[in-house]
PDB file of N, CA and C in Angstrom:
ATOM      1  N   UNK A   1       5.065  38.405  19.310  1.00  0.00           N
ATOM      2  CA  UNK A   1       4.324  39.811  18.914  1.00  0.00           C
ATOM      3  C   UNK A   1       5.394  40.546  17.953  1.00  0.00           C
ATOM      4  N   UNK A   2       4.808  41.024  17.019  1.00  0.00           N
ATOM      5  CA  UNK A   2       5.332  41.645  16.019  1.00  0.00           C
ATOM      6  C   UNK A   2       5.244  43.486  16.361  1.00  0.00           C
ATOM      7  N   UNK A   3       6.372  43.909  16.393  1.00  0.00           N
ATOM      8  CA  UNK A   3       6.131  45.480  16.600  1.00  0.00           C
ATOM      9  C   UNK A   3       5.945  46.376  15.632  1.00  0.00           C
ATOM     10  N   UNK A   4       5.869  45.593  14.357  1.00  0.00           N
ATOM     11  CA  UNK A   4       4.787  46.229  13.239  1.00  0.00           C
ATOM     12  C   UNK A   4       3.431  46.182  13.095  1.00  0.00           C
ATOM     13  N   UNK A   5       2.879  45.547  14.133  1.00  0.00           N
ATOM     14  CA  UNK A   5       1.404  45.431  14.212  1.00  0.00           C
ATOM     15  C   UNK A   5       0.842  46.376  15.056  1.00  0.00           C
ATOM     16  N   UNK A   6      -0.452  46.555  15.060  1.00  0.00           N
ATOM     17  CA  UNK A   6      -1.577  47.262  15.988  1.00  0.00           C
ATOM     18  C   UNK A   6      -1.360  46.175  17.230  1.00  0.00           C
ATOM     19  N   UNK A   7      -1.641  46.715  18.432  1.00  0.00           N
ATOM     20  CA  UNK A   7      -1.501  46.028  19.819  1.00  0.00           C
ATOM     21  C   UNK A   7      -0.536  45.873  20.528  1.00  0.00           C
ATOM     22  N   UNK A   8       0.526  46.522  20.412  1.00  0.00           N
ATOM     23  CA  UNK A   8       1.900  46.175  20.978  1.00  0.00           C
ATOM     24  C   UNK A   8       1.576  46.869  22.169  1.00  0.00           C
ATOM     25  N   UNK A   9       1.949  46.186  23.462  1.00  0.00           N
ATOM     26  CA  UNK A   9       1.315  46.969  24.599  1.00  0.00           C
ATOM     27  C   UNK A   9       2.796  46.641  25.451  1.00  0.00           C
ATOM     28  N   UNK A  10       3.188  47.830  25.888  1.00  0.00           N
ATOM     29  CA  UNK A  10       4.274  47.976  26.758  1.00  0.00           C
ATOM     30  C   UNK A  10       3.824  47.922  28.275  1.00  0.00           C
ATOM     31  N   UNK A  11       4.672  47.618  29.283  1.00  0.00           N
ATOM     32  CA  UNK A  11       4.385  47.800  30.756  1.00  0.00           C
ATOM     33  C   UNK A  11       4.386  49.235  31.144  1.00  0.00           C
ATOM     34  N   UNK A  12       3.180  49.527  31.671  1.00  0.00           N
ATOM     35  CA  UNK A  12       3.034  50.662  32.381  1.00  0.00           C
ATOM     36  C   UNK A  12       2.567  50.866  33.691  1.00  0.00           C
ATOM     37  N   UNK A  13       2.909  51.711  34.499  1.00  0.00           N
ATOM     38  CA  UNK A  13       2.617  52.186  35.374  1.00  0.00           C
ATOM     39  C   UNK A  13       1.065  52.897  35.713  1.00  0.00           C
ATOM     40  N   UNK A  14       0.462  52.850  36.766  1.00  0.00           N
ATOM     41  CA  UNK A  14      -0.712  53.755  36.588  1.00  0.00           C
ATOM     42  C   UNK A  14      -0.509  55.376  36.535  1.00  0.00           C
ATOM     43  N   UNK A  15       0.328  55.777  36.844  1.00  0.00           N
ATOM     44  CA  UNK A  15       0.848  57.223  36.758  1.00  0.00           C
ATOM     45  C   UNK A  15       1.026  57.230  35.135  1.00  0.00           C
ATOM     46  N   UNK A  16       1.691  56.486  34.478  1.00  0.00           N
ATOM     47  CA  UNK A  16       1.920  56.496  32.934  1.00  0.00           C
ATOM     48  C   UNK A  16       0.938  56.522  32.219  1.00  0.00           C
ATOM     49  N   UNK A  17      -0.145  55.299  32.742  1.00  0.00           N
ATOM     50  CA  UNK A  17      -1.391  55.321  31.996  1.00  0.00           C
ATOM     51  C   UNK A  17      -2.287  56.832  32.134  1.00  0.00           C
ATOM     52  N   UNK A  18      -2.442  57.219  33.460  1.00  0.00           N
ATOM     53  CA  UNK A  18      -2.970  58.465  33.409  1.00  0.00           C
ATOM     54  C   UNK A  18      -2.551  59.538  32.607  1.00  0.00           C
ATOM     55  N   UNK A  19      -1.098  59.849  32.611  1.00  0.00           N
ATOM     56  CA  UNK A  19      -0.242  60.951  31.768  1.00  0.00           C
ATOM     57  C   UNK A  19      -0.797  60.454  30.084  1.00  0.00           C
ATOM     58  N   UNK A  20      -0.572  59.028  30.070  1.00  0.00           N
ATOM     59  CA  UNK A  20      -0.830  59.223  28.435  1.00  0.00           C
ATOM     60  C   UNK A  20      -2.414  59.435  27.885  1.00  0.00           C
ATOM     61  N   UNK A  21      -3.286  59.019  28.935  1.00  0.00           N
ATOM     62  CA  UNK A  21      -4.790  59.423  28.706  1.00  0.00           C
ATOM     63  C   UNK A  21      -4.585  61.188  28.683  1.00  0.00           C
ATOM     64  N   UNK A  22      -3.746  61.618  29.566  1.00  0.00           N
ATOM     65  CA  UNK A  22      -4.378  63.295  29.427  1.00  0.00           C
ATOM     66  C   UNK A  22      -3.874  63.695  27.860  1.00  0.00           C
ATOM     67  N   UNK A  23      -2.604  63.096  27.705  1.00  0.00           N
ATOM     68  CA  UNK A  23      -1.871  63.361  26.285  1.00  0.00           C
ATOM     69  C   UNK A  23      -2.831  63.164  25.150  1.00  0.00           C
ATOM     70  N   UNK A  24      -3.375  62.061  25.328  1.00  0.00           N
ATOM     71  CA  UNK A  24      -4.190  61.711  24.223  1.00  0.00           C
ATOM     72  C   UNK A  24      -5.441  62.661  23.814  1.00  0.00           C
ATOM     73  N   UNK A  25      -5.939  63.055  24.811  1.00  0.00           N
ATOM     74  CA  UNK A  25      -7.039  64.177  25.034  1.00  0.00           C
ATOM     75  C   UNK A  25      -6.110  65.335  24.448  1.00  0.00           C
ATOM     76  N   UNK A  26      -5.342  66.015  24.622  1.00  0.00           N
ATOM     77  CA  UNK A  26      -4.784  67.108  24.195  1.00  0.00           C
ATOM     78  C   UNK A  26      -4.383  66.819  22.647  1.00  0.00           C
ATOM     79  N   UNK A  27      -4.306  65.826  22.429  1.00  0.00           N
ATOM     80  CA  UNK A  27      -3.557  65.506  20.602  1.00  0.00           C
ATOM     81  C   UNK A  27      -5.052  65.354  19.923  1.00  0.00           C
ATOM     82  N   UNK A  28      -6.241  65.250  20.523  1.00  0.00           N
ATOM     83  CA  UNK A  28      -7.248  64.541  19.876  1.00  0.00           C
ATOM     84  C   UNK A  28      -7.695  65.250  18.600  1.00  0.00           C
ATOM     85  N   UNK A  29      -7.630  66.678  18.912  1.00  0.00           N
ATOM     86  CA  UNK A  29      -8.200  67.508  17.424  1.00  0.00           C
ATOM     87  C   UNK A  29      -7.030  67.084  16.493  1.00  0.00           C
ATOM     88  N   UNK A  30      -5.859  67.111  16.945  1.00  0.00           N
ATOM     89  CA  UNK A  30      -4.602  66.915  15.514  1.00  0.00           C
ATOM     90  C   UNK A  30      -4.671  65.680  15.041  1.00  0.00           C
ATOM     91  N   UNK A  31      -5.187  64.743  15.905  1.00  0.00           N
ATOM     92  CA  UNK A  31      -5.296  63.382  15.015  1.00  0.00           C
ATOM     93  C   UNK A  31      -6.356  63.280  14.525  1.00  0.00           C
ATOM     94  N   UNK A  32      -7.400  64.170  14.722  1.00  0.00           N
ATOM     95  CA  UNK A  32      -8.877  64.061  13.659  1.00  0.00           C
ATOM     96  C   UNK A  32      -8.284  64.810  12.481  1.00  0.00           C
ATOM     97  N   UNK A  33      -7.618  65.835  12.672  1.00  0.00           N
ATOM     98  CA  UNK A  33      -7.076  66.573  11.333  1.00  0.00           C
ATOM     99  C   UNK A  33      -6.281  65.679  10.404  1.00  0.00           C
ATOM    100  N   UNK A  34      -5.159  65.037  11.080  1.00  0.00           N
ATOM    101  CA  UNK A  34      -4.440  64.156  10.337  1.00  0.00           C
ATOM    102  C   UNK A  34      -5.150  63.131   9.495  1.00  0.00           C
ATOM    103  N   UNK A  35      -6.037  62.461  10.449  1.00  0.00           N
ATOM    104  CA  UNK A  35      -6.915  61.600   9.708  1.00  0.00           C
ATOM    105  C   UNK A  35      -7.566  61.989   8.421  1.00  0.00           C
ATOM    106  N   UNK A  36      -8.141  63.248   8.745  1.00  0.00           N
ATOM    107  CA  UNK A  36      -9.036  63.789   7.433  1.00  0.00           C
ATOM    108  C   UNK A  36      -8.152  64.306   6.389  1.00  0.00           C
ATOM    109  N   UNK A  37      -6.785  64.428   6.524  1.00  0.00           N
ATOM    110  CA  UNK A  37      -5.934  64.600   5.640  1.00  0.00           C
ATOM    111  C   UNK A  37      -5.620  63.344   5.025  1.00  0.00           C
ATOM    112  N   UNK A  38      -5.273  62.395   5.562  1.00  0.00           N
ATOM    113  CA  UNK A  38      -4.517  61.222   5.039  1.00  0.00           C
ATOM    114  C   UNK A  38      -5.806  60.054   4.502  1.00  0.00           C
ATOM    115  N   UNK A  39      -7.168  60.308   4.836  1.00  0.00           N
ATOM    116  CA  UNK A  39      -8.310  60.094   4.220  1.00  0.00           C
ATOM    117  C   UNK A  39      -8.197  58.657   4.483  1.00  0.00           C
ATOM    118  N   UNK A  40      -8.452  57.800   3.386  1.00  0.00           N
ATOM    119  CA  UNK A  40      -8.701  56.228   3.338  1.00  0.00           C
ATOM    120  C   UNK A  40      -7.300  55.317   3.241  1.00  0.00           C
ATOM    121  N   UNK A  41      -6.184  56.358   3.171  1.00  0.00           N
ATOM    122  CA  UNK A  41      -4.910  55.710   3.481  1.00  0.00           C
ATOM    123  C   UNK A  41      -4.318  54.942   4.887  1.00  0.00           C
ATOM    124  N   UNK A  42      -5.344  55.464   5.803  1.00  0.00           N
ATOM    125  CA  UNK A  42      -5.022  54.953   7.038  1.00  0.00           C
ATOM    126  C   UNK A  42      -6.671  54.897   8.009  1.00  0.00           C
ATOM    127  N   UNK A  43      -6.616  54.060   8.810  1.00  0.00           N
ATOM    128  CA  UNK A  43      -7.781  53.611   9.428  1.00  0.00           C
ATOM    129  C   UNK A  43      -8.111  54.498  10.582  1.00  0.00           C
ATOM    130  N   UNK A  44      -6.775  54.967  11.306  1.00  0.00           N
ATOM    131  CA  UNK A  44      -7.054  55.593  12.247  1.00  0.00           C
ATOM    132  C   UNK A  44      -5.680  56.490  12.723  1.00  0.00           C
ATOM    133  N   UNK A  45      -5.424  57.596  13.501  1.00  0.00           N
ATOM    134  CA  UNK A  45      -4.333  58.122  13.555  1.00  0.00           C
ATOM    135  C   UNK A  45      -4.318  58.376  15.335  1.00  0.00           C
ATOM    136  N   UNK A  46      -3.494  58.084  15.795  1.00  0.00           N
ATOM    137  CA  UNK A  46      -3.495  58.075  17.308  1.00  0.00           C
ATOM    138  C   UNK A  46      -2.094  58.538  17.915  1.00  0.00           C
ATOM    139  N   UNK A  47      -2.127  58.681  19.395  1.00  0.00           N
ATOM    140  CA  UNK A  47      -0.916  59.262  20.080  1.00  0.00           C
ATOM    141  C   UNK A  47      -0.363  57.798  20.574  1.00  0.00           C
ATOM    142  N   UNK A  48       0.954  57.746  20.393  1.00  0.00           N
ATOM    143  CA  UNK A  48       1.402  56.337  20.958  1.00  0.00           C
ATOM    144  C   UNK A  48       2.841  56.795  21.869  1.00  0.00           C
ATOM    145  N   UNK A  49       2.998  55.730  22.717  1.00  0.00           N
ATOM    146  CA  UNK A  49       4.377  56.232  23.434  1.00  0.00           C
ATOM    147  C   UNK A  49       5.451  55.321  23.001  1.00  0.00           C
ATOM    148  N   UNK A  50       5.182  54.261  21.800  1.00  0.00           N
ATOM    149  CA  UNK A  50       6.017  53.039  21.330  1.00  0.00           C
ATOM    150  C   UNK A  50       7.085  53.877  20.145  1.00  0.00           C
ATOM    151  N   UNK A  51       6.612  55.204  20.155  1.00  0.00           N
ATOM    152  CA  UNK A  51       7.525  55.876  18.923  1.00  0.00           C
ATOM    153  C   UNK A  51       8.265  56.930  19.776  1.00  0.00           C
ATOM    154  N   UNK A  52       9.390  56.939  19.576  1.00  0.00           N
ATOM    155  CA  UNK A  52      10.342  58.298  19.952  1.00  0.00           C
ATOM    156  C   UNK A  52      11.285  59.141  19.022  1.00  0.00           C
ATOM    157  N   UNK A  53      11.948  58.272  18.120  1.00  0.00           N
ATOM    158  CA  UNK A  53      12.591  58.943  17.456  1.00  0.00           C
ATOM    159  C   UNK A  53      12.075  59.247  16.323  1.00  0.00           C
ATOM    160  N   UNK A  54      11.071  58.784  15.987  1.00  0.00           N
ATOM    161  CA  UNK A  54      10.316  59.410  14.607  1.00  0.00           C
ATOM    162  C   UNK A  54       8.958  60.111  15.052  1.00  0.00           C
ATOM    163  N   UNK A  55       8.790  60.809  13.977  1.00  0.00           N
ATOM    164  CA  UNK A  55       7.225  61.905  14.450  1.00  0.00           C
ATOM    165  C   UNK A  55       6.058  60.782  14.255  1.00  0.00           C
ATOM    166  N   UNK A  56       6.080  59.704  13.525  1.00  0.00           N
ATOM    167  CA  UNK A  56       4.924  58.609  13.323  1.00  0.00           C
ATOM    168  C   UNK A  56       5.618  57.553  12.561  1.00  0.00           C
ATOM    169  N   UNK A  57       4.672  56.633  12.608  1.00  0.00           N
ATOM    170  CA  UNK A  57       5.056  55.014  11.933  1.00  0.00           C
ATOM    171  C   UNK A  57       3.570  54.564  11.420  1.00  0.00           C
ATOM    172  N   UNK A  58       3.758  53.708  10.477  1.00  0.00           N
ATOM    173  CA  UNK A  58       2.589  53.146   9.970  1.00  0.00           C
ATOM    174  C   UNK A  58       2.899  51.489  10.546  1.00  0.00           C
ATOM    175  N   UNK A  59       1.571  51.219  11.160  1.00  0.00           N
ATOM    176  CA  UNK A  59       1.486  49.868  11.613  1.00  0.00           C
ATOM    177  C   UNK A  59       0.551  48.938  10.816  1.00  0.00           C
ATOM    178  N   UNK A  60       0.625  47.624  10.830  1.00  0.00           N
ATOM    179  CA  UNK A  60      -0.702  46.996  10.244  1.00  0.00           C
ATOM    180  C   UNK A  60      -1.561  46.547  11.237  1.00  0.00           C
ATOM    181  N   UNK A  61      -2.851  46.082  10.890  1.00  0.00           N
ATOM    182  CA  UNK A  61      -3.519  45.840  11.817  1.00  0.00           C
ATOM    183  C   UNK A  61      -3.178  44.400  12.558  1.00  0.00           C
ATOM    184  N   UNK A  62      -3.949  44.024  13.593  1.00  0.00           N
ATOM    185  CA  UNK A  62      -3.203  42.793  14.356  1.00  0.00           C
ATOM    186  C   UNK A  62      -3.388  41.662  13.596  1.00  0.00           C
ATOM    187  N   UNK A  63      -4.636  41.532  12.367  1.00  0.00           N
ATOM    188  CA  UNK A  63      -4.702  40.257  11.524  1.00  0.00           C
ATOM    189  C   UNK A  63      -4.389  40.464  10.176  1.00  0.00           C
ATOM    190  N   UNK A  64      -3.428  41.730   9.832  1.00  0.00           N
ATOM    191  CA  UNK A  64      -3.258  41.918   8.376  1.00  0.00           C
ATOM    192  C   UNK A  64      -1.848  41.470   8.217  1.00  0.00           C
ATOM    193  N   UNK A  65      -1.352  41.482   6.985  1.00  0.00           N
ATOM    194  CA  UNK A  65      -0.213  41.078   6.503  1.00  0.00           C
ATOM    195  C   UNK A  65       0.673  42.331   7.262  1.00  0.00           C
ATOM    196  N   UNK A  66       2.050  41.755   7.501  1.00  0.00           N
ATOM    197  CA  UNK A  66       3.142  42.831   7.827  1.00  0.00           C
ATOM    198  C   UNK A  66       3.697  43.406   6.700  1.00  0.00           C
ATOM    199  N   UNK A  67       4.188  44.539   6.913  1.00  0.00           N
ATOM    200  CA  UNK A  67       4.846  45.160   5.662  1.00  0.00           C
ATOM    201  C   UNK A  67       5.787  44.262   4.783  1.00  0.00           C
ATOM    202  N   UNK A  68       6.700  43.563   5.384  1.00  0.00           N
ATOM    203  CA  UNK A  68       7.475  42.707   5.025  1.00  0.00           C
ATOM    204  C   UNK A  68       6.893  41.588   3.952  1.00  0.00           C
ATOM    205  N   UNK A  69       5.826  40.993   4.606  1.00  0.00           N
ATOM    206  CA  UNK A  69       4.796  40.027   3.839  1.00  0.00           C
ATOM    207  C   UNK A  69       4.340  40.709   2.652  1.00  0.00           C
ATOM    208  N   UNK A  70       3.809  41.911   2.830  1.00  0.00           N
ATOM    209  CA  UNK A  70       3.062  42.424   1.653  1.00  0.00           C
ATOM    210  C   UNK A  70       4.181  42.880   0.468  1.00  0.00           C
ATOM    211  N   UNK A  71       4.975  43.228   0.918  1.00  0.00           N
ATOM    212  CA  UNK A  71       6.475  42.941   0.061  1.00  0.00           C
ATOM    213  C   UNK A  71       6.629  41.992  -0.777  1.00  0.00           C
ATOM    214  N   UNK A  72       6.605  40.935  -0.084  1.00  0.00           N
ATOM    215  CA  UNK A  72       7.290  39.460  -0.413  1.00  0.00           C
ATOM    216  C   UNK A  72       6.193  38.921  -1.309  1.00  0.00           C
ATOM    217  N   UNK A  73       5.007  39.309  -0.902  1.00  0.00           N
ATOM    218  CA  UNK A  73       3.735  38.741  -1.895  1.00  0.00           C
ATOM    219  C   UNK A  73       3.576  39.604  -3.156  1.00  0.00           C
ATOM    220  N   UNK A  74       3.967  40.889  -3.232  1.00  0.00           N
ATOM    221  CA  UNK A  74       3.935  41.631  -4.526  1.00  0.00           C
ATOM    222  C   UNK A  74       4.877  41.297  -5.410  1.00  0.00           C
ATOM    223  N   UNK A  75       6.204  40.556  -4.784  1.00  0.00           N
ATOM    224  CA  UNK A  75       7.468  40.378  -5.575  1.00  0.00           C
ATOM    225  C   UNK A  75       7.056  38.926  -6.312  1.00  0.00           C
ATOM    226  N   UNK A  76       5.928  38.148  -5.648  1.00  0.00           N
ATOM    227  CA  UNK A  76       5.871  36.464  -6.171  1.00  0.00           C
ATOM    228  C   UNK A  76       5.314  36.550  -7.755  1.00  0.00           C
ATOM    229  N   UNK A  77       5.796  35.747  -8.561  1.00  0.00           N
ATOM    230  CA  UNK A  77       5.712  35.867  -9.842  1.00  0.00           C
ATOM    231  C   UNK A  77       4.392  35.166 -10.343  1.00  0.00           C
ATOM    232  N   UNK A  78       4.117  34.309  -9.582  1.00  0.00           N
ATOM    233  CA  UNK A  78       2.669  33.657  -9.728  1.00  0.00           C
ATOM    234  C   UNK A  78       1.575  33.642  -8.914  1.00  0.00           C
ATOM    235  N   UNK A  79       1.391  35.120  -8.547  1.00  0.00           N
ATOM    236  CA  UNK A  79       0.640  35.523  -7.370  1.00  0.00           C
ATOM    237  C   UNK A  79      -0.411  35.550  -7.640  1.00  0.00           C
ATOM    238  N   UNK A  80      -1.430  35.081  -6.633  1.00  0.00           N
ATOM    239  CA  UNK A  80      -3.153  35.304  -6.903  1.00  0.00           C
ATOM    240  C   UNK A  80      -3.425  36.763  -6.866  1.00  0.00           C
ATOM    241  N   UNK A  81      -4.146  37.342  -7.534  1.00  0.00           N
ATOM    242  CA  UNK A  81      -4.278  38.606  -7.665  1.00  0.00           C
ATOM    243  C   UNK A  81      -5.695  39.076  -6.425  1.00  0.00           C
ATOM    244  N   UNK A  82      -6.334  37.693  -6.443  1.00  0.00           N
ATOM    245  CA  UNK A  82      -7.502  38.044  -5.553  1.00  0.00           C
ATOM    246  C   UNK A  82      -6.911  37.833  -3.892  1.00  0.00           C
ATOM    247  N   UNK A  83      -6.265  36.981  -3.604  1.00  0.00           N
ATOM    248  CA  UNK A  83      -5.180  36.885  -2.644  1.00  0.00           C
ATOM    249  C   UNK A  83      -4.883  38.448  -2.038  1.00  0.00           C
ATOM    250  N   UNK A  84      -4.398  39.075  -2.787  1.00  0.00           N
ATOM    251  CA  UNK A  84      -3.586  40.338  -2.807  1.00  0.00           C
ATOM    252  C   UNK A  84      -4.432  41.581  -2.796  1.00  0.00           C
ATOM    253  N   UNK A  85      -5.448  41.206  -3.554  1.00  0.00           N
ATOM    254  CA  UNK A  85      -6.671  42.249  -3.100  1.00  0.00           C
ATOM    255  C   UNK A  85      -7.343  42.080  -1.963  1.00  0.00           C
ATOM    256  N   UNK A  86      -7.212  40.986  -1.472  1.00  0.00           N
ATOM    257  CA  UNK A  86      -8.105  41.044   0.025  1.00  0.00           C
ATOM    258  C   UNK A  86      -7.363  41.767   1.196  1.00  0.00           C
ATOM    259  N   UNK A  87      -6.053  41.365   0.691  1.00  0.00           N
ATOM    260  CA  UNK A  87      -5.190  41.759   2.199  1.00  0.00           C
ATOM    261  C   UNK A  87      -4.626  43.028   2.039  1.00  0.00           C
ATOM    262  N   UNK A  88      -4.838  43.702   0.809  1.00  0.00           N
ATOM    263  CA  UNK A  88      -4.557  44.986   0.702  1.00  0.00           C
ATOM    264  C   UNK A  88      -5.777  45.850   1.197  1.00  0.00           C
ATOM    265  N   UNK A  89      -6.983  45.442   1.513  1.00  0.00           N
ATOM    266  CA  UNK A  89      -8.162  46.236   1.884  1.00  0.00           C
ATOM    267  C   UNK A  89      -7.867  46.232   3.670  1.00  0.00           C
ATOM    268  N   UNK A  90      -6.841  45.587   3.963  1.00  0.00           N
ATOM    269  CA  UNK A  90      -6.687  45.702   5.628  1.00  0.00           C
ATOM    270  C   UNK A  90      -5.969  46.995   5.562  1.00  0.00           C
ATOM    271  N   UNK A  91      -6.418  47.918   6.725  1.00  0.00           N
ATOM    272  CA  UNK A  91      -6.084  49.408   6.578  1.00  0.00           C
ATOM    273  C   UNK A  91      -4.837  49.464   7.643  1.00  0.00           C
ATOM    274  N   UNK A  92      -3.907  50.400   7.719  1.00  0.00           N
ATOM    275  CA  UNK A  92      -2.853  50.986   8.397  1.00  0.00           C
ATOM    276  C   UNK A  92      -3.456  51.846   9.490  1.00  0.00           C
ATOM    277  N   UNK A  93      -2.549  51.839  10.585  1.00  0.00           N
ATOM    278  CA  UNK A  93      -2.922  52.672  11.975  1.00  0.00           C
ATOM    279  C   UNK A  93      -1.643  53.434  11.651  1.00  0.00           C
ATOM    280  N   UNK A  94      -1.742  54.656  12.134  1.00  0.00           N
ATOM    281  CA  UNK A  94      -0.617  55.781  12.046  1.00  0.00           C
ATOM    282  C   UNK A  94      -0.241  56.101  13.803  1.00  0.00           C
ATOM    283  N   UNK A  95       0.170  55.285  14.365  1.00  0.00           N
ATOM    284  CA  UNK A  95       0.398  55.868  15.755  1.00  0.00           C
ATOM    285  C   UNK A  95       1.760  56.946  15.758  1.00  0.00           C
ATOM    286  N   UNK A  96       1.763  58.074  16.470  1.00  0.00           N
ATOM    287  CA  UNK A  96       2.673  59.108  16.074  1.00  0.00           C
ATOM    288  C   UNK A  96       3.382  59.715  17.775  1.00  0.00           C
ATOM    289  N   UNK A  97       4.212  59.807  17.554  1.00  0.00           N
ATOM    290  CA  UNK A  97       5.135  60.042  18.930  1.00  0.00           C
ATOM    291  C   UNK A  97       4.407  61.301  19.482  1.00  0.00           C
ATOM    292  N   UNK A  98       4.417  61.261  20.769  1.00  0.00           N
ATOM    293  CA  UNK A  98       3.736  62.426  21.714  1.00  0.00           C
ATOM    294  C   UNK A  98       4.934  63.390  22.047  1.00  0.00           C
ATOM    295  N   UNK A  99       6.349  63.194  21.713  1.00  0.00           N
ATOM    296  CA  UNK A  99       7.327  64.053  22.205  1.00  0.00           C
ATOM    297  C   UNK A  99       8.229  64.618  21.004  1.00  0.00           C
ATOM    298  N   UNK A 100       8.067  64.165  19.823  1.00  0.00           N
ATOM    299  CA  UNK A 100       8.745  64.524  18.906  1.00  0.00           C
ATOM    300  C   UNK A 100       8.473  65.826  18.622  1.00  0.00           C
ATOM    301  N   UNK A 101       9.634  66.614  18.035  1.00  0.00           N
ATOM    302  CA  UNK A 101       9.335  68.003  17.606  1.00  0.00           C
ATOM    303  C   UNK A 101       8.744  68.496  16.563  1.00  0.00           C
ATOM    304  N   UNK A 102       8.743  67.424  15.648  1.00  0.00           N
ATOM    305  CA  UNK A 102       7.689  67.774  14.392  1.00  0.00           C
ATOM    306  C   UNK A 102       6.272  67.729  15.241  1.00  0.00           C
ATOM    307  N   UNK A 103       5.904  66.589  15.548  1.00  0.00           N
ATOM    308  CA  UNK A 103       4.599  66.516  16.305  1.00  0.00           C
ATOM    309  C   UNK A 103       4.413  67.664  17.380  1.00  0.00           C
ATOM    310  N   UNK A 104       5.139  68.558  18.104  1.00  0.00           N
ATOM    311  CA  UNK A 104       4.913  69.575  19.130  1.00  0.00           C
ATOM    312  C   UNK A 104       4.839  70.703  18.086  1.00  0.00           C
ATOM    313  N   UNK A 105       5.397  70.907  17.071  1.00  0.00           N
ATOM    314  CA  UNK A 105       5.479  71.975  16.250  1.00  0.00           C
ATOM    315  C   UNK A 105       3.939  72.034  15.351  1.00  0.00           C
ATOM    316  N   UNK A 106       3.424  70.946  14.814  1.00  0.00           N
ATOM    317  CA  UNK A 106       2.316  70.571  14.451  1.00  0.00           C
ATOM    318  C   UNK A 106       1.215  70.901  15.282  1.00  0.00           C
ATOM    319  N   UNK A 107       1.222  70.468  16.651  1.00  0.00           N
ATOM    320  CA  UNK A 107       0.313  71.037  17.345  1.00  0.00           C
ATOM    321  C   UNK A 107       0.290  72.106  17.721  1.00  0.00           C
ATOM    322  N   UNK A 108       1.402  72.890  17.975  1.00  0.00           N
ATOM    323  CA  UNK A 108       1.305  74.358  18.060  1.00  0.00           C
ATOM    324  C   UNK A 108       0.863  75.350  16.911  1.00  0.00           C
ATOM    325  N   UNK A 109       0.923  74.569  15.798  1.00  0.00           N
ATOM    326  CA  UNK A 109       0.499  75.402  14.424  1.00  0.00           C
ATOM    327  C   UNK A 109      -1.287  75.290  14.435  1.00  0.00           C
ATOM    328  N   UNK A 110      -1.493  73.827  14.540  1.00  0.00           N
ATOM    329  CA  UNK A 110      -2.910  73.549  14.810  1.00  0.00           C
ATOM    330  C   UNK A 110      -3.581  74.463  15.607  1.00  0.00           C
ATOM    331  N   UNK A 111      -3.076  74.603  16.884  1.00  0.00           N
ATOM    332  CA  UNK A 111      -3.621  75.042  17.792  1.00  0.00           C
ATOM    333  C   UNK A 111      -3.983  76.733  17.478  1.00  0.00           C
ATOM    334  N   UNK A 112      -2.746  77.057  16.856  1.00  0.00           N
ATOM    335  CA  UNK A 112      -2.939  78.736  16.570  1.00  0.00           C
ATOM    336  C   UNK A 112      -4.086  78.962  15.704  1.00  0.00           C
ATOM    337  N   UNK A 113      -3.957  78.127  14.703  1.00  0.00           N
ATOM    338  CA  UNK A 113      -5.012  78.139  13.292  1.00  0.00           C
ATOM    339  C   UNK A 113      -6.629  77.875  13.451  1.00  0.00           C
ATOM    340  N   UNK A 114      -6.463  76.592  14.607  1.00  0.00           N
ATOM    341  CA  UNK A 114      -7.725  76.026  14.456  1.00  0.00           C
ATOM    342  C   UNK A 114      -8.756  76.249  15.834  1.00  0.00           C
ATOM    343  N   UNK A 115      -7.883  76.679  16.691  1.00  0.00           N
ATOM    344  CA  UNK A 115      -8.655  76.907  17.600  1.00  0.00           C
ATOM    345  C   UNK A 115      -8.834  78.265  18.494  1.00  0.00           C
TER     346      UNK A 115
END
């Protein structure tokens, strides 16, 4: 399992799962706003517990190329443009940290202006 792809599951207790569902519902509005701002650059924005030190990361879909593979394929001298066009169409996901201070500040600003 590649940690840069969607679908990475970490072991959780029932209590942690319940807390995560509560956190997801708290950040639902901010995730929607971030998705609207990012538009077609990402397929979805979601809250994740796998990100701690960064406010958010980009991950590829479960069956798309990893970021490293995209870099390698773009660097190929005799690459087939149809193949890169096909794989470039796979969207990225943006899981964001629920505890990072930037995320907390954005949530506070969002709630004061949008709610």
